[in-house]
Amino acid sequence: MTRPVGILEKEAGMAKLIWVLSQGIIVVGMAIGSASFFGCASTTPPPERSTSEIKRDADRAFEKMKQEEREYRGEGGTTR
């Protein structure tokens, strides 16, 4: 036989439900936060580049820029 549920029992049940849901939200938030933190922490930084590698790349970029300027001036005529 079931008995009628009183107001206080309903409030206690609702309070418990809210508490369980809030705890679940906290647990899920902690799991997502931990996963993102450890996911980012596990990536290794790129290796350090030597001065000669940096200079070589800069020289290549400068040569490419000069070539593009020569092509631009050659196609459109001299711009003086």
C-alpha atoms as a PDB file:
ATOM      1  CA  MET A   1       0.000   0.000   0.000  1.00  0.00           C
ATOM      2  CA  THR A   2       1.373   3.419  -0.906  1.00  0.00           C
ATOM      3  CA  ARG A   3       0.822   6.348   1.330  1.00  0.00           C
ATOM      4  CA  PRO A   4       0.485   9.949   0.168  1.00  0.00           C
ATOM      5  CA  VAL A   5       3.710  11.929  -0.072  1.00  0.00           C
ATOM      6  CA  GLY A   6       3.781  14.960   2.190  1.00  0.00           C
ATOM      7  CA  ILE A   7       5.094  18.411   1.358  1.00  0.00           C
ATOM      8  CA  LEU A   8       8.194  17.965   3.521  1.00  0.00           C
ATOM      9  CA  GLU A   9       9.029  14.670   1.855  1.00  0.00           C
ATOM     10  CA  LYS A  10       8.651  16.281  -1.578  1.00  0.00           C
ATOM     11  CA  GLU A  11      10.954  19.135  -0.561  1.00  0.00           C
ATOM     12  CA  ALA A  12      13.517  16.709   0.838  1.00  0.00           C
ATOM     13  CA  GLY A  13      13.384  14.675  -2.366  1.00  0.00           C
ATOM     14  CA  MET A  14      13.771  17.787  -4.496  1.00  0.00           C
ATOM     15  CA  ALA A  15      16.663  19.016  -2.361  1.00  0.00           C
ATOM     16  CA  LYS A  16      18.389  15.669  -2.762  1.00  0.00           C
ATOM     17  CA  LEU A  17      17.805  15.748  -6.526  1.00  0.00           C
ATOM     18  CA  ILE A  18      19.244  19.259  -6.781  1.00  0.00           C
ATOM     19  CA  TRP A  19      22.249  18.237  -4.666  1.00  0.00           C
ATOM     20  CA  VAL A  20      22.911  15.162  -6.832  1.00  0.00           C
ATOM     21  CA  LEU A  21      22.606  17.186 -10.036  1.00  0.00           C
ATOM     22  CA  SER A  22      24.925  19.911  -8.757  1.00  0.00           C
ATOM     23  CA  GLN A  23      27.488  17.302  -7.714  1.00  0.00           C
ATOM     24  CA  GLY A  24      27.229  15.713 -11.157  1.00  0.00           C
ATOM     25  CA  ILE A  25      27.790  19.059 -12.843  1.00  0.00           C
ATOM     26  CA  ILE A  26      30.855  19.672 -10.662  1.00  0.00           C
ATOM     27  CA  VAL A  27      32.277  16.231 -11.463  1.00  0.00           C
ATOM     28  CA  VAL A  28      31.740  16.709 -15.211  1.00  0.00           C
ATOM     29  CA  GLY A  29      33.324  20.167 -15.043  1.00  0.00           C
ATOM     30  CA  MET A  30      36.341  18.837 -13.183  1.00  0.00           C
ATOM     31  CA  ALA A  31      36.726  16.009 -15.716  1.00  0.00           C
ATOM     32  CA  ILE A  32      36.603  18.389 -18.683  1.00  0.00           C
ATOM     33  CA  GLY A  33      38.996  20.812 -17.001  1.00  0.00           C
ATOM     34  CA  SER A  34      41.457  18.078 -16.120  1.00  0.00           C
ATOM     35  CA  ALA A  35      41.331  16.592 -19.600  1.00  0.00           C
ATOM     36  CA  SER A  36      42.003  19.940 -21.248  1.00  0.00           C
ATOM     37  CA  PHE A  37      44.810  20.788 -18.806  1.00  0.00           C
ATOM     38  CA  PHE A  38      46.592  17.469 -19.169  1.00  0.00           C
ATOM     39  CA  GLY A  39      45.958  17.427 -22.915  1.00  0.00           C
ATOM     40  CA  CYS A  40      47.708  20.761 -23.327  1.00  0.00           C
ATOM     41  CA  ALA A  41      50.454  19.902 -20.861  1.00  0.00           C
ATOM     42  CA  SER A  42      51.385  16.746 -22.733  1.00  0.00           C
ATOM     43  CA  THR A  43      52.219  18.518 -26.002  1.00  0.00           C
ATOM     44  CA  THR A  44      55.900  19.158 -26.439  1.00  0.00           C
ATOM     45  CA  PRO A  45      57.096  22.574 -27.543  1.00  0.00           C
ATOM     46  CA  PRO A  46      58.756  22.834 -30.947  1.00  0.00           C
ATOM     47  CA  PRO A  47      62.514  22.350 -30.907  1.00  0.00           C
ATOM     48  CA  GLU A  48      64.676  25.418 -30.568  1.00  0.00           C
ATOM     49  CA  ARG A  49      66.015  26.752 -33.863  1.00  0.00           C
ATOM     50  CA  SER A  50      69.650  27.645 -34.194  1.00  0.00           C
ATOM     51  CA  THR A  51      70.794  31.108 -35.212  1.00  0.00           C
ATOM     52  CA  SER A  52      72.015  29.789 -38.561  1.00  0.00           C
ATOM     53  CA  GLU A  53      68.583  28.264 -39.313  1.00  0.00           C
ATOM     54  CA  ILE A  54      66.856  31.541 -38.492  1.00  0.00           C
ATOM     55  CA  LYS A  55      69.316  33.490 -40.663  1.00  0.00           C
ATOM     56  CA  ARG A  56      68.880  31.003 -43.539  1.00  0.00           C
ATOM     57  CA  ASP A  57      65.091  31.337 -43.397  1.00  0.00           C
ATOM     58  CA  ALA A  58      65.311  35.119 -43.260  1.00  0.00           C
ATOM     59  CA  ASP A  59      67.651  35.172 -46.263  1.00  0.00           C
ATOM     60  CA  ARG A  60      65.268  32.933 -48.232  1.00  0.00           C
ATOM     61  CA  ALA A  61      62.315  35.165 -47.391  1.00  0.00           C
ATOM     62  CA  PHE A  62      64.286  38.273 -48.424  1.00  0.00           C
ATOM     63  CA  GLU A  63      65.338  36.679 -51.715  1.00  0.00           C
ATOM     64  CA  LYS A  64      61.739  35.669 -52.401  1.00  0.00           C
ATOM     65  CA  MET A  65      60.586  39.217 -51.690  1.00  0.00           C
ATOM     66  CA  LYS A  66      63.226  40.646 -54.057  1.00  0.00           C
ATOM     67  CA  GLN A  67      62.189  38.147 -56.777  1.00  0.00           C
ATOM     68  CA  GLU A  68      58.523  39.125 -56.379  1.00  0.00           C
ATOM     69  CA  GLU A  69      59.468  42.797 -56.632  1.00  0.00           C
ATOM     70  CA  ARG A  70      61.478  42.143 -59.810  1.00  0.00           C
ATOM     71  CA  GLU A  71      58.519  40.255 -61.304  1.00  0.00           C
ATOM     72  CA  TYR A  72      56.135  43.047 -60.325  1.00  0.00           C
ATOM     73  CA  ARG A  73      58.349  45.745 -61.834  1.00  0.00           C
ATOM     74  CA  GLY A  74      58.933  43.622 -64.944  1.00  0.00           C
ATOM     75  CA  GLU A  75      55.225  43.091 -65.581  1.00  0.00           C
ATOM     76  CA  GLY A  76      54.070  46.611 -64.880  1.00  0.00           C
ATOM     77  CA  GLY A  77      57.121  48.472 -66.131  1.00  0.00           C
ATOM     78  CA  THR A  78      59.374  50.584 -63.986  1.00  0.00           C
ATOM     79  CA  THR A  79      57.661  52.624 -61.332  1.00  0.00           C
ATOM     80  CA  ARG A  80      59.912  55.605 -60.808  1.00  0.00           C
END
